[in-house]
PDB file of N, CA and C in Angstrom:
ATOM      1  N   UNK A   1     -37.672 -29.694 -27.448  1.00  0.00           N
ATOM      2  CA  UNK A   1     -35.977 -29.013 -27.489  1.00  0.00           C
ATOM      3  C   UNK A   1     -34.501 -30.534 -27.521  1.00  0.00           C
ATOM      4  N   UNK A   2     -33.535 -30.306 -28.378  1.00  0.00           N
ATOM      5  CA  UNK A   2     -32.889 -31.326 -28.065  1.00  0.00           C
ATOM      6  C   UNK A   2     -31.555 -31.085 -27.478  1.00  0.00           C
ATOM      7  N   UNK A   3     -31.081 -31.065 -26.121  1.00  0.00           N
ATOM      8  CA  UNK A   3     -30.300 -30.901 -25.661  1.00  0.00           C
ATOM      9  C   UNK A   3     -29.059 -31.521 -25.905  1.00  0.00           C
ATOM     10  N   UNK A   4     -27.926 -30.607 -26.557  1.00  0.00           N
ATOM     11  CA  UNK A   4     -26.517 -31.003 -26.649  1.00  0.00           C
ATOM     12  C   UNK A   4     -25.747 -31.412 -25.324  1.00  0.00           C
ATOM     13  N   UNK A   5     -25.292 -32.635 -25.533  1.00  0.00           N
ATOM     14  CA  UNK A   5     -24.055 -32.921 -24.025  1.00  0.00           C
ATOM     15  C   UNK A   5     -22.971 -32.357 -24.221  1.00  0.00           C
ATOM     16  N   UNK A   6     -22.768 -31.522 -22.905  1.00  0.00           N
ATOM     17  CA  UNK A   6     -21.714 -30.771 -22.634  1.00  0.00           C
ATOM     18  C   UNK A   6     -20.392 -31.543 -22.160  1.00  0.00           C
ATOM     19  N   UNK A   7     -19.409 -30.930 -22.766  1.00  0.00           N
ATOM     20  CA  UNK A   7     -18.034 -31.865 -22.751  1.00  0.00           C
ATOM     21  C   UNK A   7     -17.390 -31.599 -21.520  1.00  0.00           C
ATOM     22  N   UNK A   8     -17.375 -32.437 -20.813  1.00  0.00           N
ATOM     23  CA  UNK A   8     -16.583 -32.789 -19.807  1.00  0.00           C
ATOM     24  C   UNK A   8     -15.231 -31.913 -19.580  1.00  0.00           C
ATOM     25  N   UNK A   9     -15.811 -30.921 -18.991  1.00  0.00           N
ATOM     26  CA  UNK A   9     -13.725 -30.262 -19.533  1.00  0.00           C
ATOM     27  C   UNK A   9     -12.824 -30.785 -17.937  1.00  0.00           C
ATOM     28  N   UNK A  10     -13.493 -31.095 -17.047  1.00  0.00           N
ATOM     29  CA  UNK A  10     -12.626 -31.241 -16.208  1.00  0.00           C
ATOM     30  C   UNK A  10     -11.880 -32.166 -16.566  1.00  0.00           C
ATOM     31  N   UNK A  11     -12.574 -33.975 -16.908  1.00  0.00           N
ATOM     32  CA  UNK A  11     -11.664 -34.587 -17.015  1.00  0.00           C
ATOM     33  C   UNK A  11     -10.499 -34.390 -18.304  1.00  0.00           C
ATOM     34  N   UNK A  12     -11.010 -33.458 -19.657  1.00  0.00           N
ATOM     35  CA  UNK A  12     -10.047 -33.176 -20.630  1.00  0.00           C
ATOM     36  C   UNK A  12      -9.151 -32.612 -20.019  1.00  0.00           C
ATOM     37  N   UNK A  13      -9.057 -31.564 -18.591  1.00  0.00           N
ATOM     38  CA  UNK A  13      -7.656 -31.392 -18.239  1.00  0.00           C
ATOM     39  C   UNK A  13      -7.114 -31.463 -16.985  1.00  0.00           C
ATOM     40  N   UNK A  14      -7.694 -32.814 -16.460  1.00  0.00           N
ATOM     41  CA  UNK A  14      -7.327 -33.354 -15.176  1.00  0.00           C
ATOM     42  C   UNK A  14      -6.028 -33.681 -15.236  1.00  0.00           C
ATOM     43  N   UNK A  15      -5.309 -33.958 -16.405  1.00  0.00           N
ATOM     44  CA  UNK A  15      -4.169 -34.700 -16.489  1.00  0.00           C
ATOM     45  C   UNK A  15      -2.962 -33.116 -16.312  1.00  0.00           C
ATOM     46  N   UNK A  16      -3.694 -32.401 -16.604  1.00  0.00           N
ATOM     47  CA  UNK A  16      -3.080 -31.199 -16.441  1.00  0.00           C
ATOM     48  C   UNK A  16      -2.816 -30.095 -15.059  1.00  0.00           C
ATOM     49  N   UNK A  17      -3.415 -30.581 -14.234  1.00  0.00           N
ATOM     50  CA  UNK A  17      -4.161 -30.259 -12.814  1.00  0.00           C
ATOM     51  C   UNK A  17      -2.393 -29.102 -12.774  1.00  0.00           C
ATOM     52  N   UNK A  18      -1.515 -30.516 -12.440  1.00  0.00           N
ATOM     53  CA  UNK A  18      -0.255 -29.661 -11.756  1.00  0.00           C
ATOM     54  C   UNK A  18       0.830 -30.959 -11.088  1.00  0.00           C
ATOM     55  N   UNK A  19       1.598 -30.567 -10.038  1.00  0.00           N
ATOM     56  CA  UNK A  19       2.373 -31.255  -9.435  1.00  0.00           C
ATOM     57  C   UNK A  19       2.182 -31.194  -8.286  1.00  0.00           C
ATOM     58  N   UNK A  20       2.492 -32.740  -7.489  1.00  0.00           N
ATOM     59  CA  UNK A  20       1.841 -31.885  -5.850  1.00  0.00           C
ATOM     60  C   UNK A  20       3.693 -32.517  -5.034  1.00  0.00           C
ATOM     61  N   UNK A  21       4.196 -32.080  -4.251  1.00  0.00           N
ATOM     62  CA  UNK A  21       5.860 -32.334  -3.545  1.00  0.00           C
ATOM     63  C   UNK A  21       5.597 -32.601  -2.401  1.00  0.00           C
ATOM     64  N   UNK A  22       6.026 -32.909  -1.403  1.00  0.00           N
ATOM     65  CA  UNK A  22       6.186 -33.534  -0.132  1.00  0.00           C
ATOM     66  C   UNK A  22       6.956 -32.738   0.564  1.00  0.00           C
ATOM     67  N   UNK A  23       7.428 -31.536   1.343  1.00  0.00           N
ATOM     68  CA  UNK A  23       8.226 -30.661   2.091  1.00  0.00           C
ATOM     69  C   UNK A  23       8.042 -31.429   3.370  1.00  0.00           C
ATOM     70  N   UNK A  24       9.612 -31.636   4.041  1.00  0.00           N
ATOM     71  CA  UNK A  24       9.529 -31.776   5.660  1.00  0.00           C
ATOM     72  C   UNK A  24      10.827 -30.996   6.122  1.00  0.00           C
ATOM     73  N   UNK A  25      10.137 -30.352   6.350  1.00  0.00           N
ATOM     74  CA  UNK A  25      11.092 -29.149   7.257  1.00  0.00           C
ATOM     75  C   UNK A  25      11.689 -29.287   8.222  1.00  0.00           C
ATOM     76  N   UNK A  26      12.910 -29.512   8.669  1.00  0.00           N
ATOM     77  CA  UNK A  26      13.787 -30.144   9.974  1.00  0.00           C
ATOM     78  C   UNK A  26      14.799 -29.459  10.664  1.00  0.00           C
ATOM     79  N   UNK A  27      15.299 -28.331   9.724  1.00  0.00           N
ATOM     80  CA  UNK A  27      15.968 -27.140   9.943  1.00  0.00           C
ATOM     81  C   UNK A  27      15.841 -25.832   9.597  1.00  0.00           C
ATOM     82  N   UNK A  28      16.522 -24.846  10.722  1.00  0.00           N
ATOM     83  CA  UNK A  28      16.374 -23.397  10.349  1.00  0.00           C
ATOM     84  C   UNK A  28      16.696 -23.385   8.763  1.00  0.00           C
ATOM     85  N   UNK A  29      18.263 -24.512   8.510  1.00  0.00           N
ATOM     86  CA  UNK A  29      18.892 -24.315   7.149  1.00  0.00           C
ATOM     87  C   UNK A  29      18.029 -24.336   6.142  1.00  0.00           C
ATOM     88  N   UNK A  30      17.351 -25.403   6.280  1.00  0.00           N
ATOM     89  CA  UNK A  30      16.038 -25.928   5.443  1.00  0.00           C
ATOM     90  C   UNK A  30      15.303 -24.640   4.903  1.00  0.00           C
ATOM     91  N   UNK A  31      14.632 -23.786   5.906  1.00  0.00           N
ATOM     92  CA  UNK A  31      14.192 -23.154   5.996  1.00  0.00           C
ATOM     93  C   UNK A  31      14.736 -21.699   5.538  1.00  0.00           C
ATOM     94  N   UNK A  32      15.432 -21.302   5.527  1.00  0.00           N
ATOM     95  CA  UNK A  32      16.515 -20.248   4.592  1.00  0.00           C
ATOM     96  C   UNK A  32      17.034 -20.865   3.396  1.00  0.00           C
ATOM     97  N   UNK A  33      16.534 -21.659   3.049  1.00  0.00           N
ATOM     98  CA  UNK A  33      16.802 -21.936   1.590  1.00  0.00           C
ATOM     99  C   UNK A  33      16.094 -21.742   1.055  1.00  0.00           C
ATOM    100  N   UNK A  34      14.150 -21.867   1.615  1.00  0.00           N
ATOM    101  CA  UNK A  34      13.444 -21.112   0.671  1.00  0.00           C
ATOM    102  C   UNK A  34      13.388 -19.785   1.029  1.00  0.00           C
ATOM    103  N   UNK A  35      13.864 -19.017  -0.051  1.00  0.00           N
ATOM    104  CA  UNK A  35      13.340 -17.061   0.035  1.00  0.00           C
ATOM    105  C   UNK A  35      12.075 -17.197  -0.128  1.00  0.00           C
ATOM    106  N   UNK A  36      11.683 -15.902   0.071  1.00  0.00           N
ATOM    107  CA  UNK A  36      10.832 -15.226  -0.225  1.00  0.00           C
ATOM    108  C   UNK A  36      10.080 -15.201  -1.995  1.00  0.00           C
ATOM    109  N   UNK A  37       9.126 -16.207  -2.087  1.00  0.00           N
ATOM    110  CA  UNK A  37       9.097 -16.232  -3.744  1.00  0.00           C
ATOM    111  C   UNK A  37       7.826 -16.490  -3.865  1.00  0.00           C
ATOM    112  N   UNK A  38       7.316 -16.176  -5.233  1.00  0.00           N
ATOM    113  CA  UNK A  38       5.751 -16.315  -5.948  1.00  0.00           C
ATOM    114  C   UNK A  38       5.869 -17.416  -7.296  1.00  0.00           C
ATOM    115  N   UNK A  39       4.348 -17.483  -6.970  1.00  0.00           N
ATOM    116  CA  UNK A  39       4.590 -18.949  -8.474  1.00  0.00           C
ATOM    117  C   UNK A  39       3.709 -18.187  -9.205  1.00  0.00           C
ATOM    118  N   UNK A  40       3.716 -18.900 -10.239  1.00  0.00           N
ATOM    119  CA  UNK A  40       2.160 -18.255 -12.026  1.00  0.00           C
ATOM    120  C   UNK A  40       1.615 -18.877 -11.471  1.00  0.00           C
ATOM    121  N   UNK A  41       1.774 -20.071 -11.083  1.00  0.00           N
ATOM    122  CA  UNK A  41       0.218 -20.737 -10.550  1.00  0.00           C
ATOM    123  C   UNK A  41       0.006 -20.528  -8.624  1.00  0.00           C
ATOM    124  N   UNK A  42      -1.199 -21.156  -8.829  1.00  0.00           N
ATOM    125  CA  UNK A  42      -2.001 -21.507  -7.234  1.00  0.00           C
ATOM    126  C   UNK A  42      -1.532 -22.597  -6.831  1.00  0.00           C
ATOM    127  N   UNK A  43      -1.174 -22.497  -5.992  1.00  0.00           N
ATOM    128  CA  UNK A  43      -0.338 -22.848  -4.494  1.00  0.00           C
ATOM    129  C   UNK A  43      -1.884 -23.640  -3.664  1.00  0.00           C
ATOM    130  N   UNK A  44      -1.431 -24.683  -3.084  1.00  0.00           N
ATOM    131  CA  UNK A  44      -2.536 -25.639  -2.527  1.00  0.00           C
ATOM    132  C   UNK A  44      -1.352 -26.374  -1.171  1.00  0.00           C
ATOM    133  N   UNK A  45      -1.546 -25.424  -0.245  1.00  0.00           N
ATOM    134  CA  UNK A  45      -0.277 -25.931   0.902  1.00  0.00           C
ATOM    135  C   UNK A  45      -1.438 -26.807   1.754  1.00  0.00           C
ATOM    136  N   UNK A  46      -1.148 -28.117   2.272  1.00  0.00           N
ATOM    137  CA  UNK A  46      -1.456 -29.001   3.615  1.00  0.00           C
ATOM    138  C   UNK A  46      -0.904 -29.320   4.358  1.00  0.00           C
ATOM    139  N   UNK A  47      -1.200 -28.732   5.515  1.00  0.00           N
ATOM    140  CA  UNK A  47      -0.081 -29.102   7.155  1.00  0.00           C
ATOM    141  C   UNK A  47      -0.334 -30.701   7.382  1.00  0.00           C
ATOM    142  N   UNK A  48       1.075 -31.672   6.614  1.00  0.00           N
ATOM    143  CA  UNK A  48       0.561 -32.831   7.343  1.00  0.00           C
ATOM    144  C   UNK A  48       1.277 -33.195   8.507  1.00  0.00           C
ATOM    145  N   UNK A  49       1.824 -32.642   9.324  1.00  0.00           N
ATOM    146  CA  UNK A  49       2.086 -32.380  10.680  1.00  0.00           C
ATOM    147  C   UNK A  49       2.646 -31.551  11.008  1.00  0.00           C
ATOM    148  N   UNK A  50       3.215 -31.419  12.082  1.00  0.00           N
ATOM    149  CA  UNK A  50       3.652 -30.367  12.890  1.00  0.00           C
ATOM    150  C   UNK A  50       3.008 -28.730  12.465  1.00  0.00           C
ATOM    151  N   UNK A  51       3.718 -27.629  13.125  1.00  0.00           N
ATOM    152  CA  UNK A  51       2.911 -26.071  12.895  1.00  0.00           C
ATOM    153  C   UNK A  51       4.409 -25.734  12.043  1.00  0.00           C
ATOM    154  N   UNK A  52       4.227 -24.505  10.886  1.00  0.00           N
ATOM    155  CA  UNK A  52       4.544 -24.068  10.532  1.00  0.00           C
ATOM    156  C   UNK A  52       4.407 -22.625  10.981  1.00  0.00           C
ATOM    157  N   UNK A  53       5.168 -20.978  10.855  1.00  0.00           N
ATOM    158  CA  UNK A  53       5.038 -19.828  10.935  1.00  0.00           C
ATOM    159  C   UNK A  53       5.166 -18.845   9.172  1.00  0.00           C
ATOM    160  N   UNK A  54       4.244 -18.706   8.195  1.00  0.00           N
ATOM    161  CA  UNK A  54       4.928 -18.461   7.320  1.00  0.00           C
ATOM    162  C   UNK A  54       4.204 -16.383   7.049  1.00  0.00           C
ATOM    163  N   UNK A  55       5.401 -16.412   5.952  1.00  0.00           N
ATOM    164  CA  UNK A  55       4.575 -15.052   5.546  1.00  0.00           C
ATOM    165  C   UNK A  55       4.126 -15.028   4.281  1.00  0.00           C
ATOM    166  N   UNK A  56       3.239 -14.410   4.061  1.00  0.00           N
ATOM    167  CA  UNK A  56       2.205 -14.183   3.168  1.00  0.00           C
ATOM    168  C   UNK A  56       2.109 -12.507   2.820  1.00  0.00           C
ATOM    169  N   UNK A  57       2.477 -12.447   1.519  1.00  0.00           N
ATOM    170  CA  UNK A  57       2.444 -11.061   1.170  1.00  0.00           C
ATOM    171  C   UNK A  57       2.973 -10.360   2.598  1.00  0.00           C
ATOM    172  N   UNK A  58       2.194  -9.432   2.803  1.00  0.00           N
ATOM    173  CA  UNK A  58       2.632  -8.973   4.249  1.00  0.00           C
ATOM    174  C   UNK A  58       2.125  -9.592   5.705  1.00  0.00           C
ATOM    175  N   UNK A  59       1.618 -10.184   5.573  1.00  0.00           N
ATOM    176  CA  UNK A  59       0.579 -10.969   6.553  1.00  0.00           C
ATOM    177  C   UNK A  59       1.419 -12.273   7.643  1.00  0.00           C
ATOM    178  N   UNK A  60       1.620 -12.398   8.484  1.00  0.00           N
ATOM    179  CA  UNK A  60       2.578 -13.104   9.038  1.00  0.00           C
ATOM    180  C   UNK A  60       1.032 -14.643  10.154  1.00  0.00           C
ATOM    181  N   UNK A  61       1.573 -15.451   9.902  1.00  0.00           N
ATOM    182  CA  UNK A  61       0.018 -16.568  10.335  1.00  0.00           C
ATOM    183  C   UNK A  61       1.160 -17.957  10.479  1.00  0.00           C
ATOM    184  N   UNK A  62       0.526 -18.621  11.545  1.00  0.00           N
ATOM    185  CA  UNK A  62       0.591 -19.324  12.069  1.00  0.00           C
ATOM    186  C   UNK A  62      -0.301 -20.720  11.222  1.00  0.00           C
ATOM    187  N   UNK A  63       0.633 -22.488  11.021  1.00  0.00           N
ATOM    188  CA  UNK A  63      -0.264 -23.313   9.853  1.00  0.00           C
ATOM    189  C   UNK A  63       0.121 -24.594  11.377  1.00  0.00           C
ATOM    190  N   UNK A  64      -1.043 -25.056  11.237  1.00  0.00           N
ATOM    191  CA  UNK A  64      -0.530 -26.303  12.191  1.00  0.00           C
ATOM    192  C   UNK A  64      -1.762 -27.686  11.639  1.00  0.00           C
ATOM    193  N   UNK A  65      -1.324 -28.372  12.201  1.00  0.00           N
ATOM    194  CA  UNK A  65      -1.563 -30.213  11.066  1.00  0.00           C
ATOM    195  C   UNK A  65      -3.561 -30.046  11.250  1.00  0.00           C
ATOM    196  N   UNK A  66      -3.258 -30.008  10.080  1.00  0.00           N
ATOM    197  CA  UNK A  66      -5.039 -30.473   9.168  1.00  0.00           C
ATOM    198  C   UNK A  66      -5.249 -29.413   8.549  1.00  0.00           C
ATOM    199  N   UNK A  67      -4.698 -27.918   8.641  1.00  0.00           N
ATOM    200  CA  UNK A  67      -5.153 -26.490   7.929  1.00  0.00           C
ATOM    201  C   UNK A  67      -4.985 -27.106   6.631  1.00  0.00           C
ATOM    202  N   UNK A  68      -5.105 -26.064   5.750  1.00  0.00           N
ATOM    203  CA  UNK A  68      -5.579 -26.141   4.146  1.00  0.00           C
ATOM    204  C   UNK A  68      -5.272 -24.388   3.586  1.00  0.00           C
ATOM    205  N   UNK A  69      -4.303 -24.256   3.092  1.00  0.00           N
ATOM    206  CA  UNK A  69      -3.913 -23.137   2.312  1.00  0.00           C
ATOM    207  C   UNK A  69      -3.773 -23.115   0.642  1.00  0.00           C
ATOM    208  N   UNK A  70      -5.030 -21.904   0.360  1.00  0.00           N
ATOM    209  CA  UNK A  70      -5.270 -21.705  -1.131  1.00  0.00           C
ATOM    210  C   UNK A  70      -4.411 -20.189  -0.696  1.00  0.00           C
ATOM    211  N   UNK A  71      -3.534 -20.004  -2.122  1.00  0.00           N
ATOM    212  CA  UNK A  71      -2.537 -19.147  -2.155  1.00  0.00           C
ATOM    213  C   UNK A  71      -2.975 -18.779  -3.727  1.00  0.00           C
ATOM    214  N   UNK A  72      -3.518 -17.575  -4.359  1.00  0.00           N
ATOM    215  CA  UNK A  72      -3.424 -16.964  -5.559  1.00  0.00           C
ATOM    216  C   UNK A  72      -2.472 -16.952  -5.548  1.00  0.00           C
ATOM    217  N   UNK A  73      -2.282 -16.732  -7.471  1.00  0.00           N
ATOM    218  CA  UNK A  73      -0.784 -16.669  -8.174  1.00  0.00           C
ATOM    219  C   UNK A  73       0.186 -15.631  -8.128  1.00  0.00           C
ATOM    220  N   UNK A  74       1.131 -15.273  -8.016  1.00  0.00           N
ATOM    221  CA  UNK A  74       1.866 -14.352  -8.185  1.00  0.00           C
ATOM    222  C   UNK A  74       1.798 -13.922  -6.678  1.00  0.00           C
ATOM    223  N   UNK A  75       1.247 -14.436  -5.246  1.00  0.00           N
ATOM    224  CA  UNK A  75       1.501 -14.049  -4.339  1.00  0.00           C
ATOM    225  C   UNK A  75       2.505 -14.217  -3.611  1.00  0.00           C
ATOM    226  N   UNK A  76       3.338 -13.300  -3.193  1.00  0.00           N
ATOM    227  CA  UNK A  76       4.633 -13.882  -2.078  1.00  0.00           C
ATOM    228  C   UNK A  76       3.942 -14.674  -0.811  1.00  0.00           C
ATOM    229  N   UNK A  77       5.508 -15.403  -0.608  1.00  0.00           N
ATOM    230  CA  UNK A  77       5.734 -15.820   0.319  1.00  0.00           C
ATOM    231  C   UNK A  77       6.564 -16.930   1.006  1.00  0.00           C
ATOM    232  N   UNK A  78       6.963 -17.122   1.977  1.00  0.00           N
ATOM    233  CA  UNK A  78       7.806 -17.996   2.540  1.00  0.00           C
ATOM    234  C   UNK A  78       7.652 -18.724   4.018  1.00  0.00           C
ATOM    235  N   UNK A  79       8.253 -19.688   3.910  1.00  0.00           N
ATOM    236  CA  UNK A  79       8.325 -20.447   5.671  1.00  0.00           C
ATOM    237  C   UNK A  79       9.539 -19.756   6.519  1.00  0.00           C
ATOM    238  N   UNK A  80       9.144 -19.021   7.630  1.00  0.00           N
ATOM    239  CA  UNK A  80       9.762 -18.561   8.490  1.00  0.00           C
ATOM    240  C   UNK A  80       9.954 -19.518   9.803  1.00  0.00           C
ATOM    241  N   UNK A  81       9.767 -20.276  10.408  1.00  0.00           N
ATOM    242  CA  UNK A  81      10.124 -21.675  11.339  1.00  0.00           C
ATOM    243  C   UNK A  81       8.894 -22.084  11.190  1.00  0.00           C
ATOM    244  N   UNK A  82       9.819 -23.148  11.688  1.00  0.00           N
ATOM    245  CA  UNK A  82       8.166 -24.300  11.932  1.00  0.00           C
ATOM    246  C   UNK A  82       8.982 -25.764  12.523  1.00  0.00           C
ATOM    247  N   UNK A  83       8.438 -26.743  13.064  1.00  0.00           N
ATOM    248  CA  UNK A  83       8.508 -27.329  14.253  1.00  0.00           C
ATOM    249  C   UNK A  83       9.118 -28.812  13.640  1.00  0.00           C
ATOM    250  N   UNK A  84      10.154 -29.127  14.106  1.00  0.00           N
ATOM    251  CA  UNK A  84      10.672 -30.136  13.850  1.00  0.00           C
ATOM    252  C   UNK A  84      10.682 -31.257  13.167  1.00  0.00           C
ATOM    253  N   UNK A  85       9.326 -31.673  13.164  1.00  0.00           N
ATOM    254  CA  UNK A  85       8.638 -32.194  12.690  1.00  0.00           C
ATOM    255  C   UNK A  85       7.419 -32.121  11.179  1.00  0.00           C
ATOM    256  N   UNK A  86       7.984 -31.180  10.953  1.00  0.00           N
ATOM    257  CA  UNK A  86       6.879 -30.728  10.115  1.00  0.00           C
ATOM    258  C   UNK A  86       6.958 -30.865   9.037  1.00  0.00           C
ATOM    259  N   UNK A  87       5.922 -31.460   7.846  1.00  0.00           N
ATOM    260  CA  UNK A  87       5.385 -31.472   6.358  1.00  0.00           C
ATOM    261  C   UNK A  87       4.583 -30.928   5.815  1.00  0.00           C
ATOM    262  N   UNK A  88       5.145 -30.145   4.863  1.00  0.00           N
ATOM    263  CA  UNK A  88       3.541 -30.008   4.308  1.00  0.00           C
ATOM    264  C   UNK A  88       3.470 -30.635   2.676  1.00  0.00           C
ATOM    265  N   UNK A  89       2.231 -30.387   2.407  1.00  0.00           N
ATOM    266  CA  UNK A  89       1.812 -31.382   0.882  1.00  0.00           C
ATOM    267  C   UNK A  89       1.863 -30.151   0.021  1.00  0.00           C
ATOM    268  N   UNK A  90       2.709 -29.776  -0.946  1.00  0.00           N
ATOM    269  CA  UNK A  90       2.565 -28.665  -1.610  1.00  0.00           C
ATOM    270  C   UNK A  90       1.956 -29.060  -2.951  1.00  0.00           C
ATOM    271  N   UNK A  91       0.821 -28.011  -3.993  1.00  0.00           N
ATOM    272  CA  UNK A  91       0.165 -28.407  -4.832  1.00  0.00           C
ATOM    273  C   UNK A  91       0.339 -27.543  -5.870  1.00  0.00           C
ATOM    274  N   UNK A  92       0.940 -27.439  -7.457  1.00  0.00           N
ATOM    275  CA  UNK A  92       0.688 -25.920  -7.879  1.00  0.00           C
ATOM    276  C   UNK A  92      -0.613 -26.596  -9.040  1.00  0.00           C
ATOM    277  N   UNK A  93      -0.914 -25.939  -8.866  1.00  0.00           N
ATOM    278  CA  UNK A  93      -2.354 -26.104 -10.302  1.00  0.00           C
ATOM    279  C   UNK A  93      -1.914 -24.555 -11.162  1.00  0.00           C
ATOM    280  N   UNK A  94      -2.280 -24.809 -12.324  1.00  0.00           N
ATOM    281  CA  UNK A  94      -1.960 -23.645 -13.448  1.00  0.00           C
ATOM    282  C   UNK A  94      -2.863 -23.021 -13.495  1.00  0.00           C
ATOM    283  N   UNK A  95      -2.840 -21.895 -13.539  1.00  0.00           N
ATOM    284  CA  UNK A  95      -4.654 -21.010 -12.920  1.00  0.00           C
ATOM    285  C   UNK A  95      -5.379 -21.220 -14.524  1.00  0.00           C
ATOM    286  N   UNK A  96      -4.845 -21.725 -15.675  1.00  0.00           N
ATOM    287  CA  UNK A  96      -5.669 -21.475 -16.739  1.00  0.00           C
ATOM    288  C   UNK A  96      -6.624 -22.926 -16.459  1.00  0.00           C
ATOM    289  N   UNK A  97      -6.332 -24.054 -15.556  1.00  0.00           N
ATOM    290  CA  UNK A  97      -7.371 -25.458 -15.137  1.00  0.00           C
ATOM    291  C   UNK A  97      -8.342 -24.327 -14.759  1.00  0.00           C
ATOM    292  N   UNK A  98      -8.802 -23.377 -14.302  1.00  0.00           N
ATOM    293  CA  UNK A  98     -10.170 -22.715 -14.054  1.00  0.00           C
ATOM    294  C   UNK A  98     -10.731 -21.992 -14.808  1.00  0.00           C
ATOM    295  N   UNK A  99     -10.059 -21.623 -15.886  1.00  0.00           N
ATOM    296  CA  UNK A  99     -10.832 -20.861 -17.292  1.00  0.00           C
ATOM    297  C   UNK A  99     -11.616 -21.868 -17.791  1.00  0.00           C
ATOM    298  N   UNK A 100     -12.792 -21.845 -18.005  1.00  0.00           N
ATOM    299  CA  UNK A 100     -13.854 -22.732 -18.414  1.00  0.00           C
ATOM    300  C   UNK A 100     -14.047 -21.892 -19.454  1.00  0.00           C
ATOM    301  N   UNK A 101     -14.119 -23.287 -20.484  1.00  0.00           N
ATOM    302  CA  UNK A 101     -14.519 -22.616 -22.288  1.00  0.00           C
ATOM    303  C   UNK A 101     -16.123 -22.752 -22.025  1.00  0.00           C
ATOM    304  N   UNK A 102     -16.992 -21.599 -22.949  1.00  0.00           N
ATOM    305  CA  UNK A 102     -18.155 -21.684 -22.270  1.00  0.00           C
ATOM    306  C   UNK A 102     -18.980 -22.416 -24.099  1.00  0.00           C
ATOM    307  N   UNK A 103     -17.615 -22.815 -25.010  1.00  0.00           N
ATOM    308  CA  UNK A 103     -18.881 -23.744 -25.740  1.00  0.00           C
ATOM    309  C   UNK A 103     -18.631 -24.977 -25.656  1.00  0.00           C
TER     310      UNK A 103
END
């Protein structure tokens, strides 16, 4: 039996993974500017510093430095409160990245 090489789908799609941005939240005014919203993409939240309290769907939870959170697409969320040193790294990943071609 001859094995056919499998196309490396990760390498082919890696350039389309998404965009990363760092958000430093230092005032209640900045927090209020981020309304309750959702994305068509997945969102990975990495807490780089400080703490933040957030609303995800109907749940309220606290995030601490070192935590990593994955939100599914179209999950409503927002930051309610944050410490003065809060820094969040946000990565948006298109949902089609997780759809694998079986050919």
